[in-house]
Amino acid sequence: MNNKIVWTPKPDIINNPQHYTHSKFQTWDVIEAWRLNFNLGNVVKYISRADHKGKRLEDLKKARAYLDREIMKLEKDI
């Protein structure tokens, strides 16, 4: 019988949550590299995790809400 104990590190839900680390790119790194504002950063955030958190429709609706806010802001400036 093999009674070997295997240690598995606890996931870091603050700095590296699983729904953000499915790719070689960290979502916040992309947002910063592209210099996105709050609204567009949230669009990227919700889209990037939509298929990895178990709430695809909810995350896509959140992304749409932030995109709609950004569009409304731009339309006011016209």
Protein backbone atom coordinates (compact mmCIF):
# COMPACT_ATOMS: atom_id res chain seq x y z
CA MET A 1 0.00 0.00 0.00
CA ASN A 2 1.20 3.45 -0.84
CA ASN A 3 0.34 5.91 1.94
CA LYS A 4 2.27 8.79 0.46
CA ILE A 5 0.86 12.19 1.35
CA VAL A 6 0.80 14.62 -1.53
CA TRP A 7 0.85 18.33 -0.71
CA THR A 8 -1.11 20.52 -3.05
CA PRO A 9 -0.66 24.27 -2.65
CA LYS A 10 -3.78 26.30 -2.00
CA PRO A 11 -4.83 28.40 -4.99
CA ASP A 12 -4.08 32.12 -4.64
CA ILE A 13 -7.56 33.55 -5.13
CA ILE A 14 -6.32 37.13 -4.68
CA ASN A 15 -3.32 37.40 -7.02
CA ASN A 16 -3.83 34.46 -9.38
CA PRO A 17 -7.44 33.26 -9.40
CA GLN A 18 -7.95 30.31 -11.72
CA HIS A 19 -10.44 32.18 -13.91
CA TYR A 20 -7.72 34.75 -14.70
CA THR A 21 -4.81 32.38 -15.23
CA HIS A 22 -6.20 30.17 -18.00
CA SER A 23 -3.93 31.94 -20.49
CA LYS A 24 -0.32 33.02 -20.57
CA PHE A 25 -1.61 36.60 -20.26
CA GLN A 26 -2.84 38.01 -16.96
CA THR A 27 -5.93 40.14 -17.50
CA TRP A 28 -4.62 43.07 -15.49
CA ASP A 29 -1.37 43.04 -17.47
CA VAL A 30 -3.33 43.36 -20.71
CA ILE A 31 -5.49 46.17 -19.31
CA GLU A 32 -2.40 48.08 -18.16
CA ALA A 33 -0.43 47.42 -21.37
CA TRP A 34 -3.32 48.71 -23.48
CA ARG A 35 -3.88 51.64 -21.07
CA LEU A 36 -7.59 50.96 -20.87
CA ASN A 37 -9.82 53.12 -18.72
CA PHE A 38 -12.07 51.68 -16.01
CA ASN A 39 -15.00 50.81 -18.26
CA LEU A 40 -12.98 49.19 -21.05
CA GLY A 41 -10.75 47.40 -18.54
CA ASN A 42 -13.84 45.81 -17.04
CA VAL A 43 -15.07 44.79 -20.50
CA VAL A 44 -11.80 42.92 -21.06
CA LYS A 45 -11.92 41.45 -17.55
CA TYR A 46 -15.42 40.05 -17.87
CA ILE A 47 -14.93 38.73 -21.40
CA SER A 48 -11.61 37.09 -20.55
CA ARG A 49 -13.08 35.14 -17.66
CA ALA A 50 -16.55 34.43 -19.08
CA ASP A 51 -15.74 30.85 -20.08
CA HIS A 52 -13.69 30.04 -16.99
CA LYS A 53 -15.77 31.05 -13.99
CA GLY A 54 -18.99 29.16 -14.64
CA LYS A 55 -21.13 32.25 -15.16
CA ARG A 56 -20.69 32.95 -18.87
CA LEU A 57 -23.97 34.75 -19.53
CA GLU A 58 -23.67 36.84 -16.37
CA ASP A 59 -20.10 37.90 -17.20
CA LEU A 60 -21.02 38.76 -20.79
CA LYS A 61 -23.91 40.92 -19.56
CA LYS A 62 -21.55 42.69 -17.17
CA ALA A 63 -19.11 43.30 -20.04
CA ARG A 64 -21.96 44.71 -22.12
CA ALA A 65 -23.01 47.02 -19.27
CA TYR A 66 -19.50 48.50 -19.04
CA LEU A 67 -19.27 48.83 -22.81
CA ASP A 68 -22.65 50.59 -22.90
CA ARG A 69 -21.43 53.04 -20.22
CA GLU A 70 -18.33 53.80 -22.28
CA ILE A 71 -20.39 54.32 -25.43
CA MET A 72 -22.79 56.65 -23.59
CA LYS A 73 -19.85 58.64 -22.25
CA LEU A 74 -18.42 59.02 -25.76
CA GLU A 75 -21.78 59.97 -27.24
CA LYS A 76 -22.10 62.80 -24.70
CA ASP A 77 -18.73 64.16 -25.88
CA ILE A 78 -19.84 64.39 -29.54
